[in-house]
Amino acid sequence: MHCIIEWMDLHQGTAAWVQAVFSVLAIAGAYWIGKSQSRAALQSVEHAHRLVLAEKRKAILSIIEAAGVRTKAISDAFDLTSESEMLLQLYKIYDKTIIDAMVRALSSVPMYDVGSTAGILALQSLHDQVVFLGKSVEAFIAEGMSARARPVLIGNAKDRCACIQQHSAELAQALRTAVE
């Protein structure tokens, strides 16, 4: 140790050079630490955003599944053999407020959370088909409907149910693809 001190005394500029080198290393180390912390923070924010978006898409899928359950019950009612059985079953399972609630739920889905053009188109079509289904069921239930009009309304309601199932599947696929 004594040798080092004597050598430093003989070379006065050495201490300044050592200090300069270590200062540069400290600055480089601080830069590296800051950069890695920044990268880690950005990755954390991106991960949190992906989790939030995935949860939103799961919520949209839940809305679609609920609409599918209601639509299946209506479709099953229209598959009964007699119109009186259809009406009886519809009175048990259908109310305009159910369709209105499905429409509100579908309307409240932010389009930008869907994540794809195909998904947005499916969501818009699904929304419209639920509205049309409600109108078809209401017309079928209405008093005074002619006997000739009822088969047309039954076919229309079944078509709306099929379209809802198709658009639900398309939207679900778009959401699942967007999550992956």
C-alpha atoms as a PDB file:
ATOM      1  CA  MET A   1       0.000   0.000   0.000  1.00  0.00           C
ATOM      2  CA  HIS A   2       2.912   2.301   0.831  1.00  0.00           C
ATOM      3  CA  CYS A   3       4.257   1.781  -2.708  1.00  0.00           C
ATOM      4  CA  ILE A   4       1.049   2.964  -4.255  1.00  0.00           C
ATOM      5  CA  ILE A   5       1.044   6.168  -2.200  1.00  0.00           C
ATOM      6  CA  GLU A   6       4.652   6.914  -3.134  1.00  0.00           C
ATOM      7  CA  TRP A   7       3.901   6.279  -6.804  1.00  0.00           C
ATOM      8  CA  MET A   8       0.852   8.619  -6.614  1.00  0.00           C
ATOM      9  CA  ASP A   9       3.034  11.316  -5.031  1.00  0.00           C
ATOM     10  CA  LEU A  10       5.494  11.080  -7.909  1.00  0.00           C
ATOM     11  CA  HIS A  11       2.740  11.237 -10.537  1.00  0.00           C
ATOM     12  CA  GLN A  12       0.520  14.166  -9.506  1.00  0.00           C
ATOM     13  CA  GLY A  13      -1.857  13.977 -12.496  1.00  0.00           C
ATOM     14  CA  THR A  14      -2.743  10.340 -11.895  1.00  0.00           C
ATOM     15  CA  ALA A  15      -5.322  11.090  -9.213  1.00  0.00           C
ATOM     16  CA  ALA A  16      -7.125  13.450 -11.561  1.00  0.00           C
ATOM     17  CA  TRP A  17      -7.128  10.811 -14.320  1.00  0.00           C
ATOM     18  CA  VAL A  18      -8.441   8.127 -11.987  1.00  0.00           C
ATOM     19  CA  GLN A  19     -11.178  10.497 -10.805  1.00  0.00           C
ATOM     20  CA  ALA A  20     -12.071  11.363 -14.409  1.00  0.00           C
ATOM     21  CA  VAL A  21     -12.272   7.705 -15.472  1.00  0.00           C
ATOM     22  CA  PHE A  22     -14.457   6.754 -12.526  1.00  0.00           C
ATOM     23  CA  SER A  23     -16.672   9.811 -13.114  1.00  0.00           C
ATOM     24  CA  VAL A  24     -17.271   8.702 -16.700  1.00  0.00           C
ATOM     25  CA  LEU A  25     -18.006   5.158 -15.501  1.00  0.00           C
ATOM     26  CA  ALA A  26     -20.448   6.521 -12.893  1.00  0.00           C
ATOM     27  CA  ILE A  27     -22.248   8.585 -15.541  1.00  0.00           C
ATOM     28  CA  ALA A  28     -22.434   5.566 -17.884  1.00  0.00           C
ATOM     29  CA  GLY A  29     -23.716   3.399 -15.027  1.00  0.00           C
ATOM     30  CA  ALA A  30     -26.368   5.972 -14.102  1.00  0.00           C
ATOM     31  CA  TYR A  31     -27.468   6.146 -17.752  1.00  0.00           C
ATOM     32  CA  TRP A  32     -27.676   2.364 -17.991  1.00  0.00           C
ATOM     33  CA  ILE A  33     -29.667   2.094 -14.733  1.00  0.00           C
ATOM     34  CA  GLY A  34     -32.061   4.834 -15.873  1.00  0.00           C
ATOM     35  CA  LYS A  35     -32.541   3.206 -19.255  1.00  0.00           C
ATOM     36  CA  SER A  36     -33.250  -0.219 -17.747  1.00  0.00           C
ATOM     37  CA  GLN A  37     -35.693   1.263 -15.215  1.00  0.00           C
ATOM     38  CA  SER A  38     -37.446   3.165 -18.002  1.00  0.00           C
ATOM     39  CA  ARG A  39     -37.693   0.011 -20.108  1.00  0.00           C
ATOM     40  CA  ALA A  40     -39.051  -1.955 -17.147  1.00  0.00           C
ATOM     41  CA  ALA A  41     -41.635   0.744 -16.381  1.00  0.00           C
ATOM     42  CA  LEU A  42     -42.756   0.851 -20.022  1.00  0.00           C
ATOM     43  CA  GLN A  43     -43.067  -2.942 -20.149  1.00  0.00           C
ATOM     44  CA  SER A  44     -45.093  -2.859 -16.933  1.00  0.00           C
ATOM     45  CA  VAL A  45     -47.485  -0.252 -18.348  1.00  0.00           C
ATOM     46  CA  GLU A  46     -47.853  -2.205 -21.614  1.00  0.00           C
ATOM     47  CA  HIS A  47     -48.543  -5.399 -19.663  1.00  0.00           C
ATOM     48  CA  ALA A  48     -51.158  -3.643 -17.508  1.00  0.00           C
ATOM     49  CA  HIS A  49     -52.792  -2.223 -20.650  1.00  0.00           C
ATOM     50  CA  ARG A  50     -52.953  -5.682 -22.231  1.00  0.00           C
ATOM     51  CA  LEU A  51     -54.546  -7.083 -19.059  1.00  0.00           C
ATOM     52  CA  VAL A  52     -57.163  -4.319 -18.961  1.00  0.00           C
ATOM     53  CA  LEU A  53     -57.964  -4.792 -22.644  1.00  0.00           C
ATOM     54  CA  ALA A  54     -58.236  -8.565 -22.169  1.00  0.00           C
ATOM     55  CA  GLU A  55     -60.685  -8.016 -19.288  1.00  0.00           C
ATOM     56  CA  LYS A  56     -62.750  -5.638 -21.428  1.00  0.00           C
ATOM     57  CA  ARG A  57     -62.869  -8.202 -24.207  1.00  0.00           C
ATOM     58  CA  LYS A  58     -63.934 -10.887 -21.715  1.00  0.00           C
ATOM     59  CA  ALA A  59     -66.763  -8.588 -20.628  1.00  0.00           C
ATOM     60  CA  ILE A  60     -67.810  -8.151 -24.263  1.00  0.00           C
ATOM     61  CA  LEU A  61     -67.763 -11.942 -24.670  1.00  0.00           C
ATOM     62  CA  SER A  62     -70.018 -12.230 -21.607  1.00  0.00           C
ATOM     63  CA  ILE A  63     -72.495  -9.804 -23.182  1.00  0.00           C
ATOM     64  CA  ILE A  64     -72.446 -11.864 -26.375  1.00  0.00           C
ATOM     65  CA  GLU A  65     -72.978 -15.110 -24.444  1.00  0.00           C
ATOM     66  CA  ALA A  66     -75.904 -13.618 -22.527  1.00  0.00           C
ATOM     67  CA  ALA A  67     -77.467 -12.439 -25.790  1.00  0.00           C
ATOM     68  CA  GLY A  68     -76.908 -15.935 -27.177  1.00  0.00           C
ATOM     69  CA  VAL A  69     -78.714 -17.568 -24.255  1.00  0.00           C
ATOM     70  CA  ARG A  70     -81.719 -15.260 -24.649  1.00  0.00           C
ATOM     71  CA  THR A  71     -81.737 -15.693 -28.422  1.00  0.00           C
ATOM     72  CA  LYS A  72     -81.569 -19.497 -28.092  1.00  0.00           C
ATOM     73  CA  ALA A  73     -84.600 -19.473 -25.793  1.00  0.00           C
ATOM     74  CA  ILE A  74     -86.554 -17.365 -28.301  1.00  0.00           C
ATOM     75  CA  SER A  75     -85.401 -19.560 -31.183  1.00  0.00           C
ATOM     76  CA  ASP A  76     -86.485 -22.681 -29.283  1.00  0.00           C
ATOM     77  CA  ALA A  77     -89.915 -21.132 -28.719  1.00  0.00           C
ATOM     78  CA  PHE A  78     -90.313 -20.608 -32.460  1.00  0.00           C
ATOM     79  CA  ASP A  79     -89.306 -24.223 -33.087  1.00  0.00           C
ATOM     80  CA  LEU A  80     -92.415 -25.490 -31.260  1.00  0.00           C
ATOM     81  CA  THR A  81     -95.056 -27.134 -33.449  1.00  0.00           C
ATOM     82  CA  SER A  82     -98.127 -24.983 -32.806  1.00  0.00           C
ATOM     83  CA  GLU A  83     -98.520 -21.238 -32.696  1.00  0.00           C
ATOM     84  CA  SER A  84    -100.354 -21.462 -29.383  1.00  0.00           C
ATOM     85  CA  GLU A  85     -97.371 -23.317 -27.851  1.00  0.00           C
ATOM     86  CA  MET A  86     -95.061 -20.691 -29.342  1.00  0.00           C
ATOM     87  CA  LEU A  87     -97.091 -17.858 -27.828  1.00  0.00           C
ATOM     88  CA  LEU A  88     -97.285 -19.581 -24.447  1.00  0.00           C
ATOM     89  CA  GLN A  89     -93.522 -20.130 -24.380  1.00  0.00           C
ATOM     90  CA  LEU A  90     -92.815 -16.571 -25.561  1.00  0.00           C
ATOM     91  CA  TYR A  91     -95.006 -15.217 -22.767  1.00  0.00           C
ATOM     92  CA  LYS A  92     -92.861 -17.193 -20.330  1.00  0.00           C
ATOM     93  CA  ILE A  93     -89.441 -16.130 -21.639  1.00  0.00           C
ATOM     94  CA  TYR A  94     -89.871 -12.881 -23.545  1.00  0.00           C
ATOM     95  CA  ASP A  95     -90.317  -9.301 -22.535  1.00  0.00           C
ATOM     96  CA  LYS A  96     -89.438  -6.234 -24.572  1.00  0.00           C
ATOM     97  CA  THR A  97     -87.231  -5.021 -21.733  1.00  0.00           C
ATOM     98  CA  ILE A  98     -84.958  -8.042 -22.258  1.00  0.00           C
ATOM     99  CA  ILE A  99     -84.336  -7.084 -25.882  1.00  0.00           C
ATOM    100  CA  ASP A 100     -83.940  -3.430 -24.882  1.00  0.00           C
ATOM    101  CA  ALA A 101     -81.347  -4.426 -22.271  1.00  0.00           C
ATOM    102  CA  MET A 102     -79.422  -6.496 -24.827  1.00  0.00           C
ATOM    103  CA  VAL A 103     -79.479  -3.564 -27.261  1.00  0.00           C
ATOM    104  CA  ARG A 104     -78.230  -1.175 -24.546  1.00  0.00           C
ATOM    105  CA  ALA A 105     -75.475  -3.614 -23.572  1.00  0.00           C
ATOM    106  CA  LEU A 106     -74.359  -4.003 -27.184  1.00  0.00           C
ATOM    107  CA  SER A 107     -74.574  -0.223 -27.716  1.00  0.00           C
ATOM    108  CA  SER A 108     -72.354   0.398 -24.711  1.00  0.00           C
ATOM    109  CA  VAL A 109     -69.476  -1.688 -26.069  1.00  0.00           C
ATOM    110  CA  PRO A 110     -66.680   0.689 -27.122  1.00  0.00           C
ATOM    111  CA  MET A 111     -65.841  -0.107 -30.732  1.00  0.00           C
ATOM    112  CA  TYR A 112     -62.135   0.580 -30.180  1.00  0.00           C
ATOM    113  CA  ASP A 113     -61.983  -2.247 -27.631  1.00  0.00           C
ATOM    114  CA  VAL A 114     -63.091  -4.790 -30.231  1.00  0.00           C
ATOM    115  CA  GLY A 115     -59.751  -4.606 -32.001  1.00  0.00           C
ATOM    116  CA  SER A 116     -60.584  -5.487 -35.613  1.00  0.00           C
ATOM    117  CA  THR A 117     -62.701  -4.385 -38.537  1.00  0.00           C
ATOM    118  CA  ALA A 118     -64.369  -7.797 -38.743  1.00  0.00           C
ATOM    119  CA  GLY A 119     -65.230  -7.635 -35.061  1.00  0.00           C
ATOM    120  CA  ILE A 120     -66.683  -4.132 -35.343  1.00  0.00           C
ATOM    121  CA  LEU A 121     -68.816  -5.138 -38.324  1.00  0.00           C
ATOM    122  CA  ALA A 122     -70.023  -8.224 -36.455  1.00  0.00           C
ATOM    123  CA  LEU A 123     -70.869  -6.121 -33.382  1.00  0.00           C
ATOM    124  CA  GLN A 124     -72.837  -3.611 -35.443  1.00  0.00           C
ATOM    125  CA  SER A 125     -74.704  -6.388 -37.257  1.00  0.00           C
ATOM    126  CA  LEU A 126     -75.361  -8.205 -33.995  1.00  0.00           C
ATOM    127  CA  HIS A 127     -76.824  -5.029 -32.503  1.00  0.00           C
ATOM    128  CA  ASP A 128     -79.097  -4.529 -35.517  1.00  0.00           C
ATOM    129  CA  GLN A 129     -80.256  -8.154 -35.574  1.00  0.00           C
ATOM    130  CA  VAL A 130     -81.219  -8.020 -31.889  1.00  0.00           C
ATOM    131  CA  VAL A 131     -83.328  -4.924 -32.630  1.00  0.00           C
ATOM    132  CA  PHE A 132     -84.960  -6.686 -35.597  1.00  0.00           C
ATOM    133  CA  LEU A 133     -85.593  -9.810 -33.500  1.00  0.00           C
ATOM    134  CA  GLY A 134     -87.393  -7.730 -30.907  1.00  0.00           C
ATOM    135  CA  LYS A 135     -89.604  -6.191 -33.579  1.00  0.00           C
ATOM    136  CA  SER A 136     -90.363  -9.625 -35.059  1.00  0.00           C
ATOM    137  CA  VAL A 137     -91.326 -11.100 -31.693  1.00  0.00           C
ATOM    138  CA  GLU A 138     -93.443  -8.071 -30.805  1.00  0.00           C
ATOM    139  CA  ALA A 139     -95.274  -8.333 -34.140  1.00  0.00           C
ATOM    140  CA  PHE A 140     -95.833 -12.075 -33.646  1.00  0.00           C
ATOM    141  CA  ILE A 141     -97.229 -11.575 -30.163  1.00  0.00           C
ATOM    142  CA  ALA A 142     -99.455  -8.660 -31.221  1.00  0.00           C
ATOM    143  CA  GLU A 143    -103.183  -9.315 -31.313  1.00  0.00           C
ATOM    144  CA  GLY A 144    -105.015  -9.248 -34.609  1.00  0.00           C
ATOM    145  CA  MET A 145    -102.190 -10.601 -36.755  1.00  0.00           C
ATOM    146  CA  SER A 146    -103.530 -12.396 -39.802  1.00  0.00           C
ATOM    147  CA  ALA A 147    -103.007 -16.131 -40.123  1.00  0.00           C
ATOM    148  CA  ARG A 148    -101.029 -15.581 -43.328  1.00  0.00           C
ATOM    149  CA  ALA A 149     -98.635 -13.147 -41.677  1.00  0.00           C
ATOM    150  CA  ARG A 150     -97.741 -15.404 -38.751  1.00  0.00           C
ATOM    151  CA  PRO A 151     -95.623 -17.924 -40.738  1.00  0.00           C
ATOM    152  CA  VAL A 152     -93.712 -15.026 -42.267  1.00  0.00           C
ATOM    153  CA  LEU A 153     -93.055 -13.574 -38.802  1.00  0.00           C
ATOM    154  CA  ILE A 154     -92.008 -16.986 -37.491  1.00  0.00           C
ATOM    155  CA  GLY A 155     -89.553 -17.365 -40.383  1.00  0.00           C
ATOM    156  CA  ASN A 156     -88.309 -13.822 -39.846  1.00  0.00           C
ATOM    157  CA  ALA A 157     -87.743 -14.418 -36.126  1.00  0.00           C
ATOM    158  CA  LYS A 158     -85.896 -17.675 -36.839  1.00  0.00           C
ATOM    159  CA  ASP A 159     -83.736 -15.887 -39.430  1.00  0.00           C
ATOM    160  CA  ARG A 160     -82.919 -13.122 -36.917  1.00  0.00           C
ATOM    161  CA  CYS A 161     -81.942 -15.751 -34.340  1.00  0.00           C
ATOM    162  CA  ALA A 162     -79.685 -17.473 -36.872  1.00  0.00           C
ATOM    163  CA  CYS A 163     -78.078 -14.145 -37.822  1.00  0.00           C
ATOM    164  CA  ILE A 164     -77.516 -13.315 -34.148  1.00  0.00           C
ATOM    165  CA  GLN A 165     -75.815 -16.668 -33.617  1.00  0.00           C
ATOM    166  CA  GLN A 166     -73.647 -16.123 -36.705  1.00  0.00           C
ATOM    167  CA  HIS A 167     -72.630 -12.567 -35.785  1.00  0.00           C
ATOM    168  CA  SER A 168     -72.025 -13.623 -32.183  1.00  0.00           C
ATOM    169  CA  ALA A 169     -69.641 -16.331 -33.367  1.00  0.00           C
ATOM    170  CA  GLU A 170     -67.868 -13.875 -35.698  1.00  0.00           C
ATOM    171  CA  LEU A 171     -67.487 -11.295 -32.936  1.00  0.00           C
ATOM    172  CA  ALA A 172     -66.310 -13.896 -30.428  1.00  0.00           C
ATOM    173  CA  GLN A 173     -63.706 -15.131 -32.913  1.00  0.00           C
ATOM    174  CA  ALA A 174     -62.527 -11.574 -33.585  1.00  0.00           C
ATOM    175  CA  LEU A 175     -62.202 -10.888 -29.861  1.00  0.00           C
ATOM    176  CA  ARG A 176     -60.344 -14.124 -29.174  1.00  0.00           C
ATOM    177  CA  THR A 177     -57.999 -13.474 -32.102  1.00  0.00           C
ATOM    178  CA  ALA A 178     -57.363  -9.929 -30.881  1.00  0.00           C
ATOM    179  CA  VAL A 179     -56.502 -11.215 -27.371  1.00  0.00           C
ATOM    180  CA  GLU A 180     -53.890 -13.671 -28.673  1.00  0.00           C
END
